[in-house]
Amino acid sequence: MNLSDDEFDSLITRAMDELPQKYIKGLENVAIVYADDPDEFQRIKAQLTENSLLFGLYEGIPLTKRGIGYNFVLPDKITLFKNPILFVSHTPEQLFEQIKRTLWHEIAHYYGLDHDRIHELEHRIKPTEQLQ
């Protein structure tokens, strides 16, 4: 599947619109960006093996870890990686759902959820209901 950067960006915007807005509006000092693939620093930070795929990455200080001294800091960053997402998506519907699931996953990190809690929620309820 081929997808331009503008099309990928539009799908991210659509996913943002479909996620529960109370959590989207609660994002403070967060940039949501995309890249084709994770860079070497991101691969090391995520402890990826050579054959691992990374769909998204939250880089920053979760809300649960921010204290009184959280001032004048660079924005947190959520990056969605286009090529790995495209690699596992075989239809436009799968592509959109993977983008939305990945975005939800990274936003959950912003709110302080760890991987164990995220995976627990993913197995109990659909991604579109998880932040409701």
N, C-alpha and C. Protein backbone atom coordinates (compact mmCIF):
# COMPACT_ATOMS: atom_id res chain seq x y z
N MET A 1 0.85 -1.17 0.00
CA MET A 1 0.00 0.00 0.00
C MET A 1 0.90 1.24 0.00
N ASN A 2 0.64 2.13 -0.92
CA ASN A 2 1.37 3.40 -0.96
C ASN A 2 0.52 4.47 -0.30
N LEU A 3 1.18 5.36 0.41
CA LEU A 3 0.47 6.41 1.12
C LEU A 3 1.38 7.63 1.21
N SER A 4 0.89 8.76 0.75
CA SER A 4 1.69 9.99 0.84
C SER A 4 1.73 10.46 2.29
N ASP A 5 2.67 11.34 2.58
CA ASP A 5 2.76 11.91 3.92
C ASP A 5 1.49 12.68 4.26
N ASP A 6 0.95 13.40 3.28
CA ASP A 6 -0.29 14.16 3.53
C ASP A 6 -1.45 13.22 3.87
N GLU A 7 -1.54 12.09 3.17
CA GLU A 7 -2.60 11.12 3.46
C GLU A 7 -2.42 10.51 4.85
N PHE A 8 -1.18 10.20 5.21
CA PHE A 8 -0.90 9.65 6.53
C PHE A 8 -1.27 10.67 7.61
N ASP A 9 -0.89 11.92 7.39
CA ASP A 9 -1.21 12.98 8.32
C ASP A 9 -2.73 13.13 8.47
N SER A 10 -3.45 13.03 7.38
CA SER A 10 -4.92 13.12 7.43
C SER A 10 -5.52 11.99 8.24
N LEU A 11 -4.96 10.80 8.12
CA LEU A 11 -5.46 9.66 8.90
C LEU A 11 -5.17 9.86 10.40
N ILE A 12 -4.03 10.44 10.72
CA ILE A 12 -3.73 10.74 12.12
C ILE A 12 -4.74 11.74 12.66
N THR A 13 -5.03 12.77 11.88
CA THR A 13 -6.01 13.78 12.29
C THR A 13 -7.38 13.14 12.49
N ARG A 14 -7.78 12.29 11.57
CA ARG A 14 -9.07 11.59 11.69
C ARG A 14 -9.10 10.72 12.94
N ALA A 15 -8.00 10.02 13.22
CA ALA A 15 -7.93 9.19 14.42
C ALA A 15 -8.05 10.05 15.68
N MET A 16 -7.38 11.20 15.67
CA MET A 16 -7.48 12.12 16.81
C MET A 16 -8.92 12.55 17.02
N ASP A 17 -9.62 12.81 15.93
CA ASP A 17 -11.02 13.23 16.02
C ASP A 17 -11.93 12.13 16.55
N GLU A 18 -11.57 10.88 16.31
CA GLU A 18 -12.41 9.76 16.73
C GLU A 18 -12.12 9.26 18.14
N LEU A 19 -10.97 9.61 18.68
CA LEU A 19 -10.67 9.22 20.07
C LEU A 19 -11.45 10.12 21.02
N PRO A 20 -11.72 9.68 22.24
CA PRO A 20 -12.47 10.50 23.19
C PRO A 20 -11.81 11.87 23.39
N GLN A 21 -12.56 12.91 23.10
CA GLN A 21 -12.01 14.26 23.08
C GLN A 21 -11.56 14.76 24.45
N LYS A 22 -12.13 14.23 25.53
CA LYS A 22 -11.68 14.70 26.85
C LYS A 22 -10.21 14.37 27.07
N TYR A 23 -9.73 13.30 26.46
CA TYR A 23 -8.31 12.94 26.60
C TYR A 23 -7.44 13.68 25.60
N ILE A 24 -7.97 13.94 24.43
CA ILE A 24 -7.22 14.70 23.43
C ILE A 24 -7.05 16.13 23.91
N LYS A 25 -8.11 16.73 24.42
CA LYS A 25 -8.05 18.10 24.91
C LYS A 25 -7.16 18.21 26.14
N GLY A 26 -6.94 17.10 26.85
CA GLY A 26 -6.09 17.10 28.03
C GLY A 26 -4.60 17.03 27.71
N LEU A 27 -4.26 16.84 26.44
CA LEU A 27 -2.85 16.79 26.06
C LEU A 27 -2.26 18.20 26.15
N GLU A 28 -1.32 18.38 27.04
CA GLU A 28 -0.68 19.68 27.20
C GLU A 28 0.82 19.54 26.94
N ASN A 29 1.33 20.44 26.13
CA ASN A 29 2.76 20.46 25.82
C ASN A 29 3.20 19.16 25.16
N VAL A 30 2.39 18.69 24.18
CA VAL A 30 2.67 17.46 23.46
C VAL A 30 2.61 17.73 21.96
N ALA A 31 3.65 17.35 21.25
CA ALA A 31 3.65 17.42 19.79
C ALA A 31 3.38 16.02 19.25
N ILE A 32 2.46 15.92 18.31
CA ILE A 32 2.18 14.65 17.65
C ILE A 32 2.72 14.75 16.24
N VAL A 33 3.69 13.88 15.94
CA VAL A 33 4.39 13.94 14.66
C VAL A 33 4.45 12.54 14.06
N TYR A 34 4.97 12.46 12.86
CA TYR A 34 5.18 11.16 12.24
C TYR A 34 6.52 11.16 11.53
N ALA A 35 7.03 9.96 11.35
CA ALA A 35 8.29 9.75 10.63
C ALA A 35 8.15 8.44 9.86
N ASP A 36 8.98 8.26 8.86
CA ASP A 36 8.93 7.01 8.11
C ASP A 36 9.29 5.83 8.99
N ASP A 37 10.37 5.95 9.72
CA ASP A 37 10.88 4.87 10.58
C ASP A 37 11.54 5.50 11.80
N PRO A 38 11.69 4.72 12.88
CA PRO A 38 12.42 5.24 14.03
C PRO A 38 13.89 5.44 13.68
N ASP A 39 14.48 6.50 14.24
CA ASP A 39 15.91 6.71 14.03
C ASP A 39 16.69 5.80 14.99
N GLU A 40 17.98 5.81 14.88
CA GLU A 40 18.81 4.90 15.69
C GLU A 40 18.64 5.17 17.18
N PHE A 41 18.58 6.44 17.57
CA PHE A 41 18.39 6.78 18.98
C PHE A 41 17.06 6.25 19.49
N GLN A 42 16.00 6.38 18.70
CA GLN A 42 14.68 5.88 19.11
C GLN A 42 14.68 4.36 19.20
N ARG A 43 15.37 3.70 18.29
CA ARG A 43 15.46 2.23 18.33
C ARG A 43 16.18 1.77 19.60
N ILE A 44 17.24 2.47 19.97
CA ILE A 44 17.99 2.13 21.18
C ILE A 44 17.13 2.40 22.41
N LYS A 45 16.48 3.56 22.44
CA LYS A 45 15.64 3.93 23.59
C LYS A 45 14.51 2.92 23.79
N ALA A 46 13.95 2.43 22.69
CA ALA A 46 12.85 1.45 22.77
C ALA A 46 13.37 0.02 22.92
N GLN A 47 14.68 -0.15 22.95
CA GLN A 47 15.32 -1.46 23.10
C GLN A 47 14.84 -2.46 22.05
N LEU A 48 14.81 -2.00 20.80
CA LEU A 48 14.35 -2.84 19.70
C LEU A 48 15.44 -3.79 19.24
N THR A 49 15.03 -4.99 18.93
CA THR A 49 15.95 -5.92 18.29
C THR A 49 15.93 -5.63 16.79
N GLU A 50 16.80 -6.28 16.06
CA GLU A 50 16.94 -5.99 14.63
C GLU A 50 15.65 -6.22 13.84
N ASN A 51 14.87 -7.21 14.19
CA ASN A 51 13.65 -7.53 13.44
C ASN A 51 12.38 -6.99 14.07
N SER A 52 12.50 -6.14 15.07
CA SER A 52 11.32 -5.58 15.75
C SER A 52 10.74 -4.42 14.97
N LEU A 53 9.42 -4.27 15.10
CA LEU A 53 8.73 -3.13 14.51
C LEU A 53 8.28 -2.20 15.63
N LEU A 54 8.39 -0.92 15.38
CA LEU A 54 7.91 0.08 16.32
C LEU A 54 6.90 0.94 15.59
N PHE A 55 5.65 0.93 16.08
CA PHE A 55 4.59 1.69 15.43
C PHE A 55 4.52 3.13 15.93
N GLY A 56 4.85 3.32 17.20
CA GLY A 56 4.78 4.65 17.77
C GLY A 56 5.67 4.74 18.99
N LEU A 57 5.96 5.97 19.39
CA LEU A 57 6.83 6.18 20.55
C LEU A 57 6.43 7.46 21.27
N TYR A 58 6.26 7.35 22.58
CA TYR A 58 6.04 8.52 23.43
C TYR A 58 7.37 8.87 24.06
N GLU A 59 7.78 10.12 23.89
CA GLU A 59 9.01 10.61 24.51
C GLU A 59 8.65 11.84 25.33
N GLY A 60 8.82 11.73 26.62
CA GLY A 60 8.50 12.86 27.47
C GLY A 60 8.32 12.45 28.92
N ILE A 61 7.68 13.34 29.65
CA ILE A 61 7.43 13.12 31.07
C ILE A 61 5.92 12.92 31.25
N PRO A 62 5.48 11.71 31.62
CA PRO A 62 4.05 11.46 31.79
C PRO A 62 3.44 12.38 32.85
N LEU A 63 2.17 12.64 32.72
CA LEU A 63 1.47 13.51 33.68
C LEU A 63 1.68 13.05 35.11
N THR A 64 1.72 11.75 35.32
CA THR A 64 1.86 11.21 36.68
C THR A 64 3.24 11.47 37.28
N LYS A 65 4.20 11.87 36.46
CA LYS A 65 5.56 12.11 36.94
C LYS A 65 5.91 13.61 36.99
N ARG A 66 5.00 14.44 36.55
CA ARG A 66 5.26 15.88 36.54
C ARG A 66 5.02 16.46 37.92
N GLY A 67 5.99 17.21 38.37
CA GLY A 67 5.87 17.84 39.69
C GLY A 67 5.78 19.34 39.57
N ILE A 68 5.95 19.98 40.68
CA ILE A 68 5.86 21.44 40.76
C ILE A 68 6.92 22.12 39.90
N GLY A 69 8.04 21.44 39.68
CA GLY A 69 9.12 22.02 38.89
C GLY A 69 8.98 21.81 37.39
N TYR A 70 7.83 21.31 36.95
CA TYR A 70 7.63 21.08 35.51
C TYR A 70 7.29 22.41 34.84
N ASN A 71 8.33 23.13 34.47
CA ASN A 71 8.19 24.43 33.80
C ASN A 71 9.25 24.57 32.74
N PHE A 72 8.93 25.31 31.70
CA PHE A 72 9.91 25.68 30.67
C PHE A 72 10.62 24.46 30.09
N VAL A 73 9.86 23.42 29.79
CA VAL A 73 10.44 22.22 29.19
C VAL A 73 9.98 22.11 27.74
N LEU A 74 10.77 21.43 26.95
CA LEU A 74 10.37 21.18 25.58
C LEU A 74 9.13 20.30 25.58
N PRO A 75 8.33 20.38 24.53
CA PRO A 75 7.13 19.53 24.47
C PRO A 75 7.48 18.05 24.47
N ASP A 76 6.60 17.25 25.08
CA ASP A 76 6.67 15.82 24.91
C ASP A 76 6.39 15.54 23.44
N LYS A 77 6.75 14.35 23.00
CA LYS A 77 6.55 14.03 21.58
C LYS A 77 5.98 12.63 21.44
N ILE A 78 4.93 12.54 20.65
CA ILE A 78 4.38 11.26 20.22
C ILE A 78 4.68 11.14 18.74
N THR A 79 5.41 10.10 18.37
CA THR A 79 5.75 9.88 16.96
C THR A 79 5.09 8.60 16.49
N LEU A 80 4.39 8.68 15.37
CA LEU A 80 3.86 7.50 14.70
C LEU A 80 4.77 7.19 13.53
N PHE A 81 5.09 5.91 13.34
CA PHE A 81 6.04 5.51 12.30
C PHE A 81 5.28 4.88 11.13
N LYS A 82 5.33 5.58 10.03
CA LYS A 82 4.54 5.24 8.84
C LYS A 82 4.88 3.87 8.25
N ASN A 83 6.14 3.59 8.01
CA ASN A 83 6.50 2.34 7.32
C ASN A 83 6.16 1.08 8.12
N PRO A 84 6.44 1.01 9.42
CA PRO A 84 6.02 -0.18 10.17
C PRO A 84 4.50 -0.35 10.19
N ILE A 85 3.77 0.74 10.30
CA ILE A 85 2.31 0.65 10.31
C ILE A 85 1.82 0.16 8.95
N LEU A 86 2.39 0.68 7.88
CA LEU A 86 2.02 0.22 6.54
C LEU A 86 2.36 -1.25 6.34
N PHE A 87 3.47 -1.69 6.90
CA PHE A 87 3.92 -3.06 6.74
C PHE A 87 2.91 -4.08 7.26
N VAL A 88 2.24 -3.76 8.36
CA VAL A 88 1.30 -4.71 8.96
C VAL A 88 -0.15 -4.49 8.51
N SER A 89 -0.38 -3.47 7.71
CA SER A 89 -1.74 -3.14 7.29
C SER A 89 -1.95 -3.59 5.85
N HIS A 90 -3.01 -4.38 5.64
CA HIS A 90 -3.27 -4.93 4.31
C HIS A 90 -4.46 -4.28 3.63
N THR A 91 -5.25 -3.53 4.38
CA THR A 91 -6.39 -2.84 3.81
C THR A 91 -6.42 -1.42 4.38
N PRO A 92 -7.11 -0.51 3.72
CA PRO A 92 -7.24 0.84 4.27
C PRO A 92 -7.87 0.85 5.67
N GLU A 93 -8.80 -0.06 5.91
CA GLU A 93 -9.44 -0.13 7.23
C GLU A 93 -8.44 -0.57 8.30
N GLN A 94 -7.64 -1.58 7.98
CA GLN A 94 -6.61 -2.03 8.93
C GLN A 94 -5.61 -0.91 9.20
N LEU A 95 -5.25 -0.18 8.15
CA LEU A 95 -4.31 0.93 8.30
C LEU A 95 -4.85 1.96 9.28
N PHE A 96 -6.09 2.37 9.07
CA PHE A 96 -6.67 3.38 9.96
C PHE A 96 -6.77 2.86 11.39
N GLU A 97 -7.22 1.63 11.57
CA GLU A 97 -7.34 1.08 12.91
C GLU A 97 -5.98 0.97 13.60
N GLN A 98 -4.93 0.63 12.85
CA GLN A 98 -3.59 0.54 13.44
C GLN A 98 -3.10 1.93 13.85
N ILE A 99 -3.37 2.93 13.04
CA ILE A 99 -3.00 4.30 13.40
C ILE A 99 -3.72 4.72 14.67
N LYS A 100 -5.02 4.47 14.73
CA LYS A 100 -5.81 4.87 15.90
C LYS A 100 -5.35 4.11 17.14
N ARG A 101 -5.11 2.81 17.01
CA ARG A 101 -4.64 2.00 18.15
C ARG A 101 -3.28 2.49 18.64
N THR A 102 -2.38 2.78 17.70
CA THR A 102 -1.05 3.25 18.06
C THR A 102 -1.12 4.61 18.74
N LEU A 103 -1.93 5.49 18.20
CA LEU A 103 -2.09 6.81 18.80
C LEU A 103 -2.65 6.69 20.21
N TRP A 104 -3.68 5.85 20.38
CA TRP A 104 -4.24 5.64 21.71
C TRP A 104 -3.17 5.12 22.67
N HIS A 105 -2.38 4.15 22.21
CA HIS A 105 -1.34 3.54 23.04
C HIS A 105 -0.35 4.61 23.53
N GLU A 106 0.09 5.47 22.62
CA GLU A 106 1.08 6.49 23.01
C GLU A 106 0.46 7.56 23.90
N ILE A 107 -0.79 7.92 23.65
CA ILE A 107 -1.47 8.87 24.52
C ILE A 107 -1.63 8.28 25.92
N ALA A 108 -1.88 6.98 25.99
CA ALA A 108 -1.98 6.31 27.29
C ALA A 108 -0.67 6.45 28.08
N HIS A 109 0.46 6.38 27.39
CA HIS A 109 1.75 6.61 28.07
C HIS A 109 1.83 8.03 28.62
N TYR A 110 1.34 8.99 27.87
CA TYR A 110 1.33 10.38 28.34
C TYR A 110 0.56 10.49 29.66
N TYR A 111 -0.54 9.75 29.76
CA TYR A 111 -1.35 9.78 30.98
C TYR A 111 -0.79 8.87 32.08
N GLY A 112 0.36 8.25 31.84
CA GLY A 112 1.04 7.51 32.88
C GLY A 112 0.81 6.01 32.90
N LEU A 113 0.10 5.48 31.92
CA LEU A 113 -0.12 4.04 31.88
C LEU A 113 1.15 3.34 31.38
N ASP A 114 1.51 2.24 32.02
CA ASP A 114 2.65 1.46 31.56
C ASP A 114 2.17 0.38 30.59
N HIS A 115 3.12 -0.33 29.98
CA HIS A 115 2.76 -1.34 28.98
C HIS A 115 1.86 -2.44 29.54
N ASP A 116 2.11 -2.86 30.77
CA ASP A 116 1.27 -3.91 31.35
C ASP A 116 -0.18 -3.47 31.44
N ARG A 117 -0.41 -2.26 31.92
CA ARG A 117 -1.78 -1.75 32.05
C ARG A 117 -2.41 -1.53 30.67
N ILE A 118 -1.63 -1.02 29.73
CA ILE A 118 -2.16 -0.80 28.38
C ILE A 118 -2.57 -2.13 27.76
N HIS A 119 -1.72 -3.14 27.87
CA HIS A 119 -2.04 -4.45 27.29
C HIS A 119 -3.25 -5.08 27.98
N GLU A 120 -3.35 -4.88 29.29
CA GLU A 120 -4.53 -5.38 30.00
C GLU A 120 -5.80 -4.74 29.44
N LEU A 121 -5.78 -3.43 29.25
CA LEU A 121 -6.94 -2.74 28.70
C LEU A 121 -7.21 -3.16 27.26
N GLU A 122 -6.17 -3.36 26.49
CA GLU A 122 -6.35 -3.76 25.09
C GLU A 122 -7.02 -5.12 24.98
N HIS A 123 -6.78 -5.99 25.92
CA HIS A 123 -7.39 -7.32 25.86
C HIS A 123 -8.81 -7.34 26.43
N ARG A 124 -9.16 -6.33 27.20
CA ARG A 124 -10.49 -6.30 27.80
C ARG A 124 -11.51 -5.57 26.95
N ILE A 125 -11.09 -4.45 26.33
CA ILE A 125 -12.04 -3.64 25.57
C ILE A 125 -11.42 -3.15 24.28
N LYS A 126 -12.26 -2.70 23.35
CA LYS A 126 -11.79 -2.20 22.07
C LYS A 126 -11.01 -0.91 22.26
N PRO A 127 -9.98 -0.64 21.42
CA PRO A 127 -9.18 0.57 21.56
C PRO A 127 -10.01 1.86 21.55
N THR A 128 -11.08 1.90 20.79
CA THR A 128 -11.87 3.13 20.72
C THR A 128 -12.63 3.41 22.00
N GLU A 129 -12.76 2.40 22.87
CA GLU A 129 -13.47 2.59 24.13
C GLU A 129 -12.51 2.74 25.30
N GLN A 130 -11.22 2.54 25.10
CA GLN A 130 -10.29 2.42 26.19
C GLN A 130 -10.08 3.70 26.99
N LEU A 131 -10.18 4.84 26.37
CA LEU A 131 -9.96 6.08 27.11
C LEU A 131 -11.27 6.75 27.50
N GLN A 132 -12.37 6.04 27.36
CA GLN A 132 -13.66 6.65 27.67
C GLN A 132 -13.98 6.54 29.14
